[in-house]
């Protein structure tokens, strides 16, 4: 039995869907352009250096969503998928995911981007199991601005995958092979759980580590 875990942003997508959603909110006119872009860019820079305060980021990023109804949000996300995400669904990434699914691997998408943004993206890749940052919902489904449970970021990805496996009645030890694909040094805790870690479109920091440890390096978008 094989477990295959994919990061999303800059791994299966050649963009960061979280940051792109922020830019999309600017296009929609839902936020003040200068102020929101400055905040969005600052949090993205924190993420790239492994220093993101993810709770502060989620509070910031969901503020425009918390004042809109579910139908408006659904319509906006459908447009986001058409205009932003669909052009970034590259054949090499789609084929890679499909190859693991066709082999019968248990496949999960494990991302630090929130579940509102990523659930339709996981579906577009044909991945049924999504481990994402869970947005806390108030009664009635309203987004509160907080995170429910452990955020799937850095070491939290390992925690959330373990919770998911337990929900399936499984554990790490049940798998003859575990493959993890990621671009980011932020995912080192998860990569170190793999029998086959794959540095995928890696950042310079992850590429250097991968070469030192003789990990496979995969470039999907060259």
N, C-alpha and C. Protein backbone atom coordinates (compact mmCIF):
# COMPACT_ATOMS: atom_id res chain seq x y z
N UNK A 1 0.85 -1.19 0.00
CA UNK A 1 0.00 0.00 0.00
C UNK A 1 0.88 1.24 0.00
N UNK A 2 0.54 2.21 -0.86
CA UNK A 2 1.36 3.42 -1.03
C UNK A 2 0.54 4.65 -0.69
N UNK A 3 1.15 5.56 0.05
CA UNK A 3 0.58 6.85 0.38
C UNK A 3 1.31 7.91 -0.43
N UNK A 4 0.57 8.79 -1.07
CA UNK A 4 1.16 9.86 -1.86
C UNK A 4 0.54 11.19 -1.42
N UNK A 5 1.39 12.13 -1.00
CA UNK A 5 0.94 13.42 -0.50
C UNK A 5 1.52 14.53 -1.37
N UNK A 6 0.66 15.42 -1.82
CA UNK A 6 1.06 16.54 -2.65
C UNK A 6 0.85 17.86 -1.91
N UNK A 7 1.85 18.72 -1.92
CA UNK A 7 1.63 20.13 -1.65
C UNK A 7 0.92 20.71 -2.88
N UNK A 8 0.38 21.91 -2.75
CA UNK A 8 -0.36 22.50 -3.87
C UNK A 8 0.40 23.65 -4.53
N UNK A 9 0.57 24.74 -3.80
CA UNK A 9 1.07 25.97 -4.40
C UNK A 9 2.55 25.86 -4.77
N UNK A 10 2.84 26.17 -6.02
CA UNK A 10 4.19 26.08 -6.58
C UNK A 10 4.69 24.65 -6.67
N UNK A 11 3.82 23.69 -6.37
CA UNK A 11 4.13 22.27 -6.52
C UNK A 11 3.29 21.70 -7.66
N UNK A 12 1.98 21.60 -7.44
CA UNK A 12 1.09 21.19 -8.52
C UNK A 12 0.61 22.37 -9.36
N UNK A 13 0.59 23.54 -8.77
CA UNK A 13 0.28 24.77 -9.50
C UNK A 13 1.55 25.60 -9.65
N UNK A 14 1.74 26.27 -10.77
CA UNK A 14 2.91 27.14 -10.92
C UNK A 14 2.70 28.53 -10.31
N UNK A 15 1.66 28.67 -9.51
CA UNK A 15 1.36 29.91 -8.79
C UNK A 15 1.03 29.56 -7.35
N UNK A 16 0.94 30.59 -6.52
CA UNK A 16 0.44 30.43 -5.15
C UNK A 16 -1.03 30.82 -5.15
N UNK A 17 -1.91 29.84 -4.95
CA UNK A 17 -3.35 30.11 -5.05
C UNK A 17 -3.83 31.06 -3.97
N UNK A 18 -3.22 31.02 -2.80
CA UNK A 18 -3.60 31.90 -1.70
C UNK A 18 -3.32 33.36 -2.07
N UNK A 19 -2.10 33.63 -2.52
CA UNK A 19 -1.74 34.98 -2.92
C UNK A 19 -2.56 35.42 -4.13
N UNK A 20 -2.78 34.50 -5.07
CA UNK A 20 -3.57 34.83 -6.27
C UNK A 20 -5.00 35.18 -5.90
N UNK A 21 -5.57 34.49 -4.90
CA UNK A 21 -6.92 34.82 -4.44
C UNK A 21 -6.95 36.25 -3.90
N UNK A 22 -5.92 36.64 -3.17
CA UNK A 22 -5.85 38.01 -2.67
C UNK A 22 -5.84 39.03 -3.81
N UNK A 23 -5.07 38.75 -4.85
CA UNK A 23 -5.06 39.63 -6.01
C UNK A 23 -6.43 39.65 -6.70
N UNK A 24 -7.09 38.49 -6.69
CA UNK A 24 -8.42 38.41 -7.30
C UNK A 24 -9.43 39.26 -6.53
N UNK A 25 -9.32 39.29 -5.20
CA UNK A 25 -10.21 40.13 -4.41
C UNK A 25 -10.04 41.60 -4.78
N UNK A 26 -8.81 41.99 -5.09
CA UNK A 26 -8.56 43.36 -5.54
C UNK A 26 -9.29 43.61 -6.86
N UNK A 27 -9.19 42.66 -7.79
CA UNK A 27 -9.87 42.79 -9.08
C UNK A 27 -11.38 42.89 -8.91
N UNK A 28 -11.92 42.17 -7.92
CA UNK A 28 -13.36 42.23 -7.67
C UNK A 28 -13.79 43.56 -7.06
N UNK A 29 -12.85 44.32 -6.54
CA UNK A 29 -13.19 45.57 -5.87
C UNK A 29 -13.71 45.40 -4.46
N UNK A 30 -13.41 44.24 -3.86
CA UNK A 30 -13.91 43.96 -2.50
C UNK A 30 -13.02 44.57 -1.42
N UNK A 31 -11.84 45.03 -1.77
CA UNK A 31 -10.88 45.53 -0.79
C UNK A 31 -10.23 46.79 -1.33
N UNK A 32 -9.64 47.56 -0.43
CA UNK A 32 -8.83 48.70 -0.85
C UNK A 32 -7.55 48.18 -1.49
N UNK A 33 -7.29 48.54 -2.73
CA UNK A 33 -6.20 47.94 -3.49
C UNK A 33 -4.84 48.11 -2.81
N UNK A 34 -4.47 49.33 -2.49
CA UNK A 34 -3.12 49.57 -1.96
C UNK A 34 -2.93 48.90 -0.62
N UNK A 35 -3.88 49.07 0.28
CA UNK A 35 -3.72 48.53 1.63
C UNK A 35 -3.74 47.01 1.61
N UNK A 36 -4.67 46.43 0.85
CA UNK A 36 -4.77 44.97 0.86
C UNK A 36 -3.58 44.34 0.17
N UNK A 37 -3.13 44.93 -0.94
CA UNK A 37 -1.96 44.35 -1.63
C UNK A 37 -0.73 44.42 -0.73
N UNK A 38 -0.56 45.50 -0.01
CA UNK A 38 0.59 45.61 0.88
C UNK A 38 0.55 44.52 1.94
N UNK A 39 -0.63 44.30 2.52
CA UNK A 39 -0.75 43.24 3.53
C UNK A 39 -0.58 41.87 2.94
N UNK A 40 -1.20 41.62 1.81
CA UNK A 40 -1.10 40.31 1.15
C UNK A 40 0.35 40.00 0.79
N UNK A 41 1.05 40.97 0.25
CA UNK A 41 2.45 40.76 -0.13
C UNK A 41 3.33 40.54 1.10
N UNK A 42 3.05 41.27 2.17
CA UNK A 42 3.85 41.11 3.39
C UNK A 42 3.68 39.72 4.00
N UNK A 43 2.45 39.25 4.07
CA UNK A 43 2.23 37.89 4.59
C UNK A 43 2.86 36.84 3.68
N UNK A 44 2.79 37.05 2.38
CA UNK A 44 3.40 36.09 1.43
C UNK A 44 4.91 36.04 1.62
N UNK A 45 5.52 37.19 1.86
CA UNK A 45 6.96 37.22 2.12
C UNK A 45 7.29 36.47 3.41
N UNK A 46 6.46 36.62 4.42
CA UNK A 46 6.65 35.87 5.67
C UNK A 46 6.59 34.37 5.41
N UNK A 47 5.61 33.97 4.60
CA UNK A 47 5.47 32.54 4.30
C UNK A 47 6.73 32.00 3.64
N UNK A 48 7.25 32.73 2.68
CA UNK A 48 8.40 32.24 1.92
C UNK A 48 9.64 32.10 2.80
N UNK A 49 9.71 32.85 3.88
CA UNK A 49 10.84 32.72 4.80
C UNK A 49 10.54 31.80 5.98
N UNK A 50 9.36 31.17 5.98
CA UNK A 50 9.00 30.25 7.06
C UNK A 50 8.61 30.93 8.35
N UNK A 51 8.20 32.21 8.28
CA UNK A 51 7.91 32.97 9.50
C UNK A 51 6.47 33.49 9.53
N UNK A 52 5.59 32.85 8.79
CA UNK A 52 4.21 33.32 8.71
C UNK A 52 3.48 33.12 10.02
N UNK A 53 2.84 34.18 10.50
CA UNK A 53 1.86 34.07 11.59
C UNK A 53 0.54 33.71 10.93
N UNK A 54 0.26 32.42 10.85
CA UNK A 54 -0.87 31.98 10.03
C UNK A 54 -2.21 32.41 10.62
N UNK A 55 -2.30 32.56 11.93
CA UNK A 55 -3.56 33.01 12.53
C UNK A 55 -3.84 34.47 12.16
N UNK A 56 -2.79 35.30 12.20
CA UNK A 56 -2.96 36.70 11.79
C UNK A 56 -3.29 36.79 10.31
N UNK A 57 -2.66 35.93 9.52
CA UNK A 57 -2.92 35.96 8.09
C UNK A 57 -4.37 35.58 7.78
N UNK A 58 -4.86 34.51 8.40
CA UNK A 58 -6.25 34.09 8.13
C UNK A 58 -7.23 35.17 8.55
N UNK A 59 -6.99 35.83 9.67
CA UNK A 59 -7.86 36.92 10.09
C UNK A 59 -7.88 38.03 9.04
N UNK A 60 -6.69 38.37 8.51
CA UNK A 60 -6.57 39.39 7.47
C UNK A 60 -7.26 38.94 6.18
N UNK A 61 -6.94 37.74 5.73
CA UNK A 61 -7.36 37.29 4.41
C UNK A 61 -8.85 37.02 4.31
N UNK A 62 -9.48 36.66 5.42
CA UNK A 62 -10.91 36.34 5.38
C UNK A 62 -11.81 37.53 5.68
N UNK A 63 -11.23 38.66 6.06
CA UNK A 63 -12.06 39.83 6.39
C UNK A 63 -13.03 40.19 5.26
N UNK A 64 -12.60 40.18 3.98
CA UNK A 64 -13.56 40.51 2.92
C UNK A 64 -14.63 39.44 2.71
N UNK A 65 -14.37 38.22 3.17
CA UNK A 65 -15.34 37.13 3.00
C UNK A 65 -16.40 37.14 4.08
N UNK A 66 -16.04 37.66 5.24
CA UNK A 66 -16.93 37.55 6.39
C UNK A 66 -18.14 38.48 6.29
N UNK A 67 -18.11 39.39 5.34
CA UNK A 67 -19.22 40.35 5.22
C UNK A 67 -20.06 40.05 3.98
N UNK A 68 -19.84 38.86 3.38
CA UNK A 68 -20.57 38.51 2.17
C UNK A 68 -21.28 37.17 2.33
N UNK A 69 -22.39 37.02 1.63
CA UNK A 69 -23.19 35.81 1.81
C UNK A 69 -22.60 34.66 1.00
N UNK A 70 -23.08 33.46 1.30
CA UNK A 70 -22.52 32.25 0.71
C UNK A 70 -22.66 32.22 -0.80
N UNK A 71 -23.79 32.70 -1.32
CA UNK A 71 -24.00 32.67 -2.76
C UNK A 71 -23.02 33.60 -3.47
N UNK A 72 -22.77 34.75 -2.91
CA UNK A 72 -21.81 35.69 -3.49
C UNK A 72 -20.40 35.09 -3.48
N UNK A 73 -20.05 34.44 -2.38
CA UNK A 73 -18.73 33.81 -2.28
C UNK A 73 -18.59 32.68 -3.29
N UNK A 74 -19.64 31.88 -3.44
CA UNK A 74 -19.58 30.77 -4.39
C UNK A 74 -19.42 31.27 -5.82
N UNK A 75 -20.13 32.32 -6.16
CA UNK A 75 -20.03 32.88 -7.51
C UNK A 75 -18.63 33.43 -7.76
N UNK A 76 -18.07 34.10 -6.75
CA UNK A 76 -16.73 34.66 -6.89
C UNK A 76 -15.70 33.55 -7.06
N UNK A 77 -15.86 32.49 -6.28
CA UNK A 77 -14.88 31.41 -6.40
C UNK A 77 -14.99 30.69 -7.73
N UNK A 78 -16.18 30.52 -8.24
CA UNK A 78 -16.35 29.90 -9.56
C UNK A 78 -15.65 30.73 -10.63
N UNK A 79 -15.74 32.04 -10.52
CA UNK A 79 -15.04 32.91 -11.46
C UNK A 79 -13.53 32.80 -11.28
N UNK A 80 -13.07 32.74 -10.03
CA UNK A 80 -11.65 32.55 -9.73
C UNK A 80 -11.12 31.27 -10.38
N UNK A 81 -11.90 30.20 -10.28
CA UNK A 81 -11.48 28.94 -10.90
C UNK A 81 -11.37 29.09 -12.42
N UNK A 82 -12.34 29.73 -13.03
CA UNK A 82 -12.33 29.89 -14.49
C UNK A 82 -11.18 30.79 -14.96
N UNK A 83 -11.03 31.91 -14.29
CA UNK A 83 -10.12 32.94 -14.80
C UNK A 83 -8.68 32.79 -14.32
N UNK A 84 -8.51 32.25 -13.13
CA UNK A 84 -7.16 32.21 -12.54
C UNK A 84 -6.60 30.80 -12.47
N UNK A 85 -7.37 29.87 -11.94
CA UNK A 85 -6.84 28.53 -11.69
C UNK A 85 -6.83 27.66 -12.93
N UNK A 86 -7.91 27.64 -13.69
CA UNK A 86 -7.97 26.74 -14.86
C UNK A 86 -6.79 26.90 -15.80
N UNK A 87 -6.33 28.13 -16.10
CA UNK A 87 -5.18 28.26 -16.99
C UNK A 87 -3.87 27.73 -16.38
N UNK A 88 -3.87 27.51 -15.07
CA UNK A 88 -2.66 27.03 -14.40
C UNK A 88 -2.69 25.52 -14.11
N UNK A 89 -3.71 24.84 -14.58
CA UNK A 89 -3.79 23.38 -14.43
C UNK A 89 -3.00 22.76 -15.58
N UNK A 90 -1.73 22.52 -15.36
CA UNK A 90 -0.82 22.11 -16.41
C UNK A 90 -0.86 20.60 -16.62
N UNK A 91 -0.73 20.16 -17.85
CA UNK A 91 -0.79 18.72 -18.13
C UNK A 91 0.20 17.89 -17.33
N UNK A 92 1.41 18.38 -17.13
CA UNK A 92 2.41 17.60 -16.39
C UNK A 92 1.95 17.32 -14.97
N UNK A 93 1.35 18.31 -14.31
CA UNK A 93 0.87 18.13 -12.94
C UNK A 93 -0.36 17.23 -12.90
N UNK A 94 -1.29 17.45 -13.82
CA UNK A 94 -2.49 16.61 -13.88
C UNK A 94 -2.11 15.15 -14.14
N UNK A 95 -1.15 14.94 -15.05
CA UNK A 95 -0.73 13.57 -15.38
C UNK A 95 -0.03 12.91 -14.20
N UNK A 96 0.75 13.69 -13.44
CA UNK A 96 1.44 13.13 -12.28
C UNK A 96 0.44 12.64 -11.24
N UNK A 97 -0.54 13.47 -10.94
CA UNK A 97 -1.57 13.06 -9.97
C UNK A 97 -2.31 11.83 -10.48
N UNK A 98 -2.68 11.86 -11.76
CA UNK A 98 -3.43 10.75 -12.32
C UNK A 98 -2.64 9.46 -12.27
N UNK A 99 -1.32 9.53 -12.45
CA UNK A 99 -0.51 8.32 -12.42
C UNK A 99 -0.56 7.65 -11.06
N UNK A 100 -0.59 8.45 -9.98
CA UNK A 100 -0.68 7.88 -8.64
C UNK A 100 -2.08 7.33 -8.36
N UNK A 101 -3.09 8.04 -8.80
CA UNK A 101 -4.46 7.55 -8.62
C UNK A 101 -4.68 6.26 -9.39
N UNK A 102 -4.16 6.20 -10.61
CA UNK A 102 -4.35 5.00 -11.43
C UNK A 102 -3.64 3.78 -10.84
N UNK A 103 -2.56 4.02 -10.09
CA UNK A 103 -1.86 2.90 -9.44
C UNK A 103 -2.57 2.43 -8.18
N UNK A 104 -3.59 3.16 -7.78
CA UNK A 104 -4.32 2.78 -6.57
C UNK A 104 -3.73 3.34 -5.29
N UNK A 105 -2.83 4.33 -5.41
CA UNK A 105 -2.26 4.95 -4.21
C UNK A 105 -3.34 5.72 -3.45
N UNK A 106 -3.17 5.82 -2.15
CA UNK A 106 -3.98 6.73 -1.35
C UNK A 106 -3.37 8.12 -1.50
N UNK A 107 -4.11 9.03 -2.11
CA UNK A 107 -3.57 10.34 -2.48
C UNK A 107 -4.24 11.42 -1.67
N UNK A 108 -3.43 12.31 -1.10
CA UNK A 108 -3.94 13.45 -0.36
C UNK A 108 -3.29 14.74 -0.82
N UNK A 109 -4.05 15.81 -0.81
CA UNK A 109 -3.52 17.14 -1.08
C UNK A 109 -3.38 17.84 0.27
N UNK A 110 -2.16 18.23 0.62
CA UNK A 110 -1.86 18.78 1.95
C UNK A 110 -1.32 20.19 1.76
N UNK A 111 -2.10 21.19 2.16
CA UNK A 111 -1.76 22.57 1.84
C UNK A 111 -2.00 23.50 3.02
N UNK A 112 -1.20 24.55 3.07
CA UNK A 112 -1.38 25.59 4.09
C UNK A 112 -2.39 26.64 3.64
N UNK A 113 -2.90 26.51 2.43
CA UNK A 113 -3.96 27.40 1.96
C UNK A 113 -5.30 26.88 2.48
N UNK A 114 -6.23 27.79 2.72
CA UNK A 114 -7.46 27.39 3.42
C UNK A 114 -8.41 26.58 2.54
N UNK A 115 -9.32 25.90 3.21
CA UNK A 115 -10.21 24.97 2.53
C UNK A 115 -11.21 25.66 1.61
N UNK A 116 -11.59 26.90 1.90
CA UNK A 116 -12.49 27.62 1.01
C UNK A 116 -11.86 27.78 -0.37
N UNK A 117 -10.60 28.17 -0.41
CA UNK A 117 -9.92 28.37 -1.68
C UNK A 117 -9.62 27.04 -2.36
N UNK A 118 -9.20 26.05 -1.60
CA UNK A 118 -8.58 24.86 -2.20
C UNK A 118 -9.52 23.70 -2.49
N UNK A 119 -10.69 23.65 -1.89
CA UNK A 119 -11.57 22.49 -2.14
C UNK A 119 -11.89 22.33 -3.63
N UNK A 120 -12.27 23.40 -4.35
CA UNK A 120 -12.52 23.21 -5.79
C UNK A 120 -11.25 22.89 -6.57
N UNK A 121 -10.10 23.33 -6.09
CA UNK A 121 -8.84 23.03 -6.79
C UNK A 121 -8.50 21.56 -6.64
N UNK A 122 -8.67 21.02 -5.44
CA UNK A 122 -8.45 19.59 -5.23
C UNK A 122 -9.36 18.79 -6.15
N UNK A 123 -10.61 19.20 -6.25
CA UNK A 123 -11.55 18.49 -7.14
C UNK A 123 -11.10 18.55 -8.59
N UNK A 124 -10.54 19.68 -9.00
CA UNK A 124 -10.07 19.81 -10.38
C UNK A 124 -8.92 18.85 -10.68
N UNK A 125 -8.14 18.52 -9.67
CA UNK A 125 -7.06 17.54 -9.83
C UNK A 125 -7.55 16.11 -9.65
N UNK A 126 -8.81 15.94 -9.26
CA UNK A 126 -9.33 14.60 -9.02
C UNK A 126 -8.90 14.02 -7.69
N UNK A 127 -8.49 14.87 -6.75
CA UNK A 127 -8.03 14.41 -5.44
C UNK A 127 -9.18 14.51 -4.45
N UNK A 128 -9.58 13.39 -3.90
CA UNK A 128 -10.74 13.36 -3.00
C UNK A 128 -10.40 13.78 -1.58
N UNK A 129 -9.15 13.61 -1.17
CA UNK A 129 -8.75 13.86 0.21
C UNK A 129 -7.97 15.17 0.30
N UNK A 130 -8.56 16.16 0.94
CA UNK A 130 -7.95 17.48 1.10
C UNK A 130 -7.64 17.73 2.56
N UNK A 131 -6.38 18.03 2.84
CA UNK A 131 -5.97 18.47 4.17
C UNK A 131 -5.52 19.91 4.01
N UNK A 132 -6.35 20.85 4.42
CA UNK A 132 -6.09 22.28 4.26
C UNK A 132 -6.35 22.99 5.58
N UNK A 133 -5.97 24.25 5.66
CA UNK A 133 -6.33 25.05 6.83
C UNK A 133 -7.86 25.15 6.87
N UNK A 134 -8.44 24.71 7.98
CA UNK A 134 -9.89 24.71 8.11
C UNK A 134 -10.37 26.04 8.69
N UNK A 135 -11.17 26.75 7.93
CA UNK A 135 -11.73 28.00 8.43
C UNK A 135 -12.82 27.70 9.44
N UNK A 136 -12.73 28.33 10.59
CA UNK A 136 -13.78 28.17 11.60
C UNK A 136 -15.06 28.80 11.08
N UNK A 137 -16.16 28.10 11.32
CA UNK A 137 -17.46 28.58 10.88
C UNK A 137 -18.39 28.76 12.08
N UNK A 138 -19.11 29.85 12.09
CA UNK A 138 -20.13 30.08 13.11
C UNK A 138 -21.39 29.30 12.73
N UNK A 139 -22.35 29.17 13.65
CA UNK A 139 -23.62 28.55 13.29
C UNK A 139 -24.21 29.23 12.06
N UNK A 140 -24.61 28.43 11.09
CA UNK A 140 -25.08 28.99 9.83
C UNK A 140 -24.02 29.02 8.76
N UNK A 141 -22.77 28.70 9.13
CA UNK A 141 -21.72 28.59 8.14
C UNK A 141 -20.90 29.83 7.89
N UNK A 142 -21.14 30.89 8.65
CA UNK A 142 -20.39 32.13 8.45
C UNK A 142 -18.93 31.95 8.88
N UNK A 143 -18.02 32.43 8.05
CA UNK A 143 -16.58 32.39 8.37
C UNK A 143 -16.30 33.37 9.50
N UNK A 144 -15.55 32.92 10.52
CA UNK A 144 -15.32 33.77 11.69
C UNK A 144 -14.00 34.54 11.63
N UNK A 145 -13.05 34.07 10.84
CA UNK A 145 -11.71 34.68 10.83
C UNK A 145 -10.70 33.90 11.64
N UNK A 146 -11.14 32.84 12.30
CA UNK A 146 -10.23 31.99 13.07
C UNK A 146 -10.01 30.67 12.33
N UNK A 147 -9.07 29.89 12.84
CA UNK A 147 -8.74 28.58 12.29
C UNK A 147 -9.32 27.51 13.20
N UNK A 148 -9.95 26.51 12.61
CA UNK A 148 -10.47 25.37 13.36
C UNK A 148 -9.39 24.29 13.45
N UNK A 149 -9.02 23.95 14.68
CA UNK A 149 -8.03 22.89 14.86
C UNK A 149 -6.63 23.33 14.51
N UNK A 150 -5.78 22.36 14.23
CA UNK A 150 -4.37 22.62 13.93
C UNK A 150 -4.24 23.08 12.48
N UNK A 151 -3.57 24.22 12.25
CA UNK A 151 -3.37 24.63 10.86
C UNK A 151 -2.37 23.72 10.15
N UNK A 152 -2.65 23.40 8.92
CA UNK A 152 -1.78 22.51 8.14
C UNK A 152 -0.62 23.31 7.54
N UNK A 153 0.27 23.71 8.43
CA UNK A 153 1.41 24.55 8.07
C UNK A 153 2.62 24.06 8.84
N UNK A 154 3.73 23.83 8.14
CA UNK A 154 4.97 23.32 8.73
C UNK A 154 4.68 22.02 9.51
N UNK A 155 5.04 21.95 10.80
CA UNK A 155 4.82 20.73 11.58
C UNK A 155 3.33 20.37 11.66
N UNK A 156 2.47 21.37 11.51
CA UNK A 156 1.04 21.10 11.54
C UNK A 156 0.57 20.21 10.41
N UNK A 157 1.30 20.18 9.31
CA UNK A 157 0.93 19.26 8.23
C UNK A 157 1.05 17.81 8.69
N UNK A 158 2.09 17.51 9.43
CA UNK A 158 2.26 16.15 9.94
C UNK A 158 1.12 15.80 10.89
N UNK A 159 0.78 16.72 11.78
CA UNK A 159 -0.31 16.49 12.73
C UNK A 159 -1.62 16.23 11.99
N UNK A 160 -1.91 17.07 11.01
CA UNK A 160 -3.18 16.92 10.29
C UNK A 160 -3.23 15.65 9.45
N UNK A 161 -2.10 15.26 8.85
CA UNK A 161 -2.09 14.00 8.10
C UNK A 161 -2.32 12.83 9.05
N UNK A 162 -1.72 12.87 10.23
CA UNK A 162 -1.94 11.80 11.20
C UNK A 162 -3.41 11.74 11.61
N UNK A 163 -4.04 12.89 11.81
CA UNK A 163 -5.46 12.90 12.15
C UNK A 163 -6.29 12.29 11.02
N UNK A 164 -5.97 12.66 9.80
CA UNK A 164 -6.68 12.13 8.64
C UNK A 164 -6.51 10.63 8.53
N UNK A 165 -5.28 10.16 8.68
CA UNK A 165 -5.05 8.72 8.60
C UNK A 165 -5.82 7.97 9.69
N UNK A 166 -5.83 8.52 10.89
CA UNK A 166 -6.61 7.89 11.97
C UNK A 166 -8.08 7.81 11.61
N UNK A 167 -8.59 8.85 10.95
CA UNK A 167 -10.01 8.83 10.56
C UNK A 167 -10.30 7.73 9.56
N UNK A 168 -9.27 7.27 8.86
CA UNK A 168 -9.41 6.16 7.91
C UNK A 168 -9.04 4.82 8.53
N UNK A 169 -8.70 4.85 9.82
CA UNK A 169 -8.27 3.63 10.49
C UNK A 169 -6.87 3.20 10.10
N UNK A 170 -6.03 4.17 9.75
CA UNK A 170 -4.68 3.86 9.29
C UNK A 170 -3.66 4.68 10.05
N UNK A 171 -2.37 4.35 9.83
CA UNK A 171 -1.26 5.10 10.39
C UNK A 171 -0.11 5.08 9.38
N UNK A 172 0.93 5.86 9.67
CA UNK A 172 2.10 5.89 8.78
C UNK A 172 2.64 4.47 8.54
N UNK A 173 2.62 3.66 9.58
CA UNK A 173 3.24 2.33 9.52
C UNK A 173 2.51 1.36 8.59
N UNK A 174 1.31 1.73 8.17
CA UNK A 174 0.54 0.83 7.30
C UNK A 174 1.03 0.84 5.86
N UNK A 175 1.90 1.77 5.51
CA UNK A 175 2.25 1.97 4.11
C UNK A 175 3.64 1.44 3.80
N UNK A 176 3.72 0.65 2.72
CA UNK A 176 5.01 0.14 2.26
C UNK A 176 5.86 1.26 1.68
N UNK A 177 5.21 2.26 1.13
CA UNK A 177 5.93 3.39 0.54
C UNK A 177 5.12 4.66 0.76
N UNK A 178 5.82 5.74 1.11
CA UNK A 178 5.20 7.06 1.26
C UNK A 178 5.99 8.03 0.39
N UNK A 179 5.27 8.72 -0.50
CA UNK A 179 5.88 9.72 -1.37
C UNK A 179 5.29 11.08 -1.05
N UNK A 180 6.15 12.08 -0.92
CA UNK A 180 5.70 13.45 -0.66
C UNK A 180 6.32 14.37 -1.70
N UNK A 181 5.48 15.18 -2.34
CA UNK A 181 5.93 16.17 -3.32
C UNK A 181 5.74 17.57 -2.72
N UNK A 182 6.80 18.37 -2.72
CA UNK A 182 6.68 19.75 -2.25
C UNK A 182 7.79 20.61 -2.84
N UNK A 183 7.49 21.90 -2.94
CA UNK A 183 8.48 22.86 -3.42
C UNK A 183 9.22 23.57 -2.30
N UNK A 184 8.72 23.47 -1.06
CA UNK A 184 9.09 24.43 -0.02
C UNK A 184 9.78 23.79 1.18
N UNK A 185 10.76 24.50 1.72
CA UNK A 185 11.43 24.08 2.95
C UNK A 185 10.46 24.10 4.13
N UNK A 186 9.35 24.84 3.99
CA UNK A 186 8.32 24.82 5.04
C UNK A 186 7.77 23.42 5.26
N UNK A 187 7.86 22.58 4.21
CA UNK A 187 7.30 21.24 4.29
C UNK A 187 8.33 20.19 4.70
N UNK A 188 9.46 20.63 5.21
CA UNK A 188 10.49 19.67 5.61
C UNK A 188 9.97 18.64 6.61
N UNK A 189 9.17 19.02 7.63
CA UNK A 189 8.67 17.99 8.55
C UNK A 189 7.90 16.88 7.84
N UNK A 190 7.12 17.25 6.81
CA UNK A 190 6.35 16.25 6.07
C UNK A 190 7.26 15.46 5.12
N UNK A 191 8.16 16.14 4.45
CA UNK A 191 9.09 15.47 3.55
C UNK A 191 9.93 14.42 4.28
N UNK A 192 10.28 14.72 5.53
CA UNK A 192 11.11 13.79 6.29
C UNK A 192 10.34 12.55 6.73
N UNK A 193 9.01 12.57 6.59
CA UNK A 193 8.21 11.37 6.87
C UNK A 193 8.16 10.41 5.69
N UNK A 194 8.62 10.89 4.52
CA UNK A 194 8.47 10.10 3.29
C UNK A 194 9.61 9.13 3.09
N UNK A 195 9.29 7.97 2.50
CA UNK A 195 10.33 7.10 1.98
C UNK A 195 10.91 7.68 0.71
N UNK A 196 10.05 8.42 -0.02
CA UNK A 196 10.46 9.00 -1.30
C UNK A 196 10.08 10.49 -1.32
N UNK A 197 10.88 11.34 -0.69
CA UNK A 197 10.62 12.78 -0.77
C UNK A 197 11.03 13.31 -2.14
N UNK A 198 10.18 14.13 -2.72
CA UNK A 198 10.46 14.68 -4.05
C UNK A 198 10.41 16.20 -3.98
N UNK A 199 11.54 16.83 -4.15
CA UNK A 199 11.61 18.30 -4.19
C UNK A 199 11.10 18.73 -5.56
N UNK A 200 9.91 19.31 -5.58
CA UNK A 200 9.19 19.55 -6.83
C UNK A 200 9.17 21.05 -7.11
N UNK A 201 9.76 21.46 -8.23
CA UNK A 201 9.94 22.89 -8.53
C UNK A 201 10.52 23.59 -7.30
N UNK A 202 11.62 23.08 -6.73
CA UNK A 202 12.00 23.50 -5.38
C UNK A 202 12.53 24.93 -5.32
N UNK A 203 12.28 25.55 -4.17
CA UNK A 203 12.95 26.80 -3.85
C UNK A 203 14.44 26.52 -3.71
N UNK A 204 15.28 27.57 -3.78
CA UNK A 204 16.73 27.33 -3.62
C UNK A 204 17.09 26.61 -2.32
N UNK A 205 16.40 26.96 -1.23
CA UNK A 205 16.72 26.32 0.05
C UNK A 205 16.40 24.84 0.02
N UNK A 206 15.24 24.48 -0.54
CA UNK A 206 14.88 23.06 -0.59
C UNK A 206 15.75 22.33 -1.61
N UNK A 207 16.07 22.96 -2.71
CA UNK A 207 16.92 22.29 -3.69
C UNK A 207 18.29 21.97 -3.11
N UNK A 208 18.86 22.90 -2.35
CA UNK A 208 20.16 22.66 -1.74
C UNK A 208 20.09 21.48 -0.78
N UNK A 209 19.02 21.42 0.03
CA UNK A 209 18.86 20.32 0.97
C UNK A 209 18.65 19.01 0.23
N UNK A 210 17.85 19.05 -0.83
CA UNK A 210 17.58 17.84 -1.60
C UNK A 210 18.86 17.28 -2.21
N UNK A 211 19.70 18.14 -2.71
CA UNK A 211 20.97 17.68 -3.28
C UNK A 211 21.87 17.09 -2.20
N UNK A 212 21.87 17.72 -1.04
CA UNK A 212 22.68 17.22 0.06
C UNK A 212 22.21 15.84 0.52
N UNK A 213 20.91 15.63 0.51
CA UNK A 213 20.34 14.36 1.00
C UNK A 213 20.05 13.36 -0.12
N UNK A 214 20.37 13.74 -1.34
CA UNK A 214 20.17 12.86 -2.51
C UNK A 214 18.70 12.53 -2.73
N UNK A 215 17.85 13.54 -2.52
CA UNK A 215 16.44 13.39 -2.81
C UNK A 215 16.21 13.65 -4.30
N UNK A 216 15.14 13.08 -4.81
CA UNK A 216 14.77 13.34 -6.20
C UNK A 216 14.34 14.80 -6.35
N UNK A 217 14.73 15.41 -7.46
CA UNK A 217 14.31 16.78 -7.80
C UNK A 217 13.50 16.70 -9.08
N UNK A 218 12.30 17.24 -9.06
CA UNK A 218 11.38 17.18 -10.18
C UNK A 218 10.96 18.59 -10.55
N UNK A 219 11.06 18.91 -11.83
CA UNK A 219 10.62 20.22 -12.32
C UNK A 219 9.46 19.99 -13.28
N UNK A 220 8.27 20.35 -12.84
CA UNK A 220 7.07 20.11 -13.65
C UNK A 220 6.83 21.21 -14.68
N UNK A 221 7.34 22.39 -14.44
CA UNK A 221 6.90 23.52 -15.24
C UNK A 221 8.01 24.18 -16.05
N UNK A 222 9.15 23.53 -16.19
CA UNK A 222 10.22 24.09 -17.03
C UNK A 222 9.82 24.04 -18.49
